[in-house]
Protein backbone atom coordinates (compact mmCIF):
# COMPACT_ATOMS: atom_id res chain seq x y z
CA MET A 1 6.86 -3.04 17.93
CA PRO A 2 4.72 0.02 17.22
CA LEU A 3 3.94 1.17 13.72
CA VAL A 4 4.80 4.62 12.41
CA GLU A 5 3.31 6.47 9.47
CA LEU A 6 5.76 6.68 6.62
CA GLY A 7 3.49 8.79 4.47
CA ALA A 8 -0.09 9.62 3.51
CA TYR A 9 -1.13 9.39 -0.13
CA TRP A 10 -4.22 10.66 -1.87
CA ASN A 11 -4.50 7.83 -4.36
CA SER A 12 -3.98 4.09 -4.33
CA PHE A 13 -1.46 4.22 -7.18
CA GLU A 14 1.03 6.32 -5.19
CA ALA A 15 0.52 4.24 -2.04
CA GLY A 16 1.06 1.07 -4.07
CA LEU A 17 4.28 2.39 -5.59
CA VAL A 18 5.66 3.20 -2.14
CA GLN A 19 4.65 -0.20 -0.82
CA SER A 20 6.30 -1.85 -3.83
CA LYS A 21 9.58 0.02 -3.23
CA LEU A 22 9.50 -1.05 0.40
CA GLU A 23 8.88 -4.66 -0.57
CA ASP A 24 11.84 -4.54 -2.97
CA ALA A 25 13.99 -3.32 -0.06
CA GLY A 26 12.78 -6.19 2.14
CA ILE A 27 10.67 -3.97 4.40
CA ASP A 28 7.20 -5.05 5.47
CA SER A 29 4.49 -2.40 5.33
CA VAL A 30 0.76 -2.06 5.83
CA LEU A 31 -1.72 0.26 4.11
CA PHE A 32 -4.14 1.89 6.56
CA ASP A 33 -7.47 3.32 5.40
CA PHE A 34 -7.20 1.77 1.93
CA ASP A 35 -10.77 0.47 1.93
CA ALA A 36 -12.17 3.63 3.53
CA ALA A 37 -10.44 5.76 0.90
CA ASN A 38 -11.97 3.64 -1.86
CA VAL A 39 -15.47 3.86 -0.34
CA TRP A 40 -15.47 7.50 0.74
CA GLY A 41 -13.08 8.83 -1.85
CA SER A 42 -9.38 9.40 -1.43
CA LEU A 43 -9.91 13.16 -1.46
CA MET A 44 -11.43 12.83 2.00
CA ILE A 45 -9.33 10.06 3.54
CA PRO A 46 -5.66 9.55 2.65
CA ILE A 47 -4.12 6.09 2.43
CA ARG A 48 -1.39 5.79 5.06
CA VAL A 49 1.69 3.61 4.58
CA MET A 50 2.81 2.21 7.93
CA VAL A 51 6.07 0.47 8.86
CA LEU A 52 7.60 -0.80 12.07
CA ASP A 53 9.32 1.96 14.00
CA GLU A 54 12.61 0.06 13.83
CA ASP A 55 12.40 0.04 9.99
CA GLU A 56 11.53 3.73 9.60
CA ALA A 57 15.01 5.04 8.73
CA LYS A 58 15.67 2.26 6.22
CA ALA A 59 12.20 2.75 4.73
CA ARG A 60 12.68 6.49 4.26
CA THR A 61 15.93 5.79 2.45
CA ALA A 62 14.24 3.17 0.25
CA ILE A 63 11.53 5.54 -0.96
CA ALA A 64 13.76 8.60 -1.41
């Protein structure tokens, strides 16, 4: 069950909104680089929202 990147966001608010929409749709997700973005600044390191590859199509529909 590999993970795929659903999107990269330059601030934690946007990443959190996407993760919230996914949760409402019953899709598990993980935020990659959240802590690094907060330490080094999100202008340097984007926060990536990751989902299981089998959930990608449903996830893209949920955030559209």
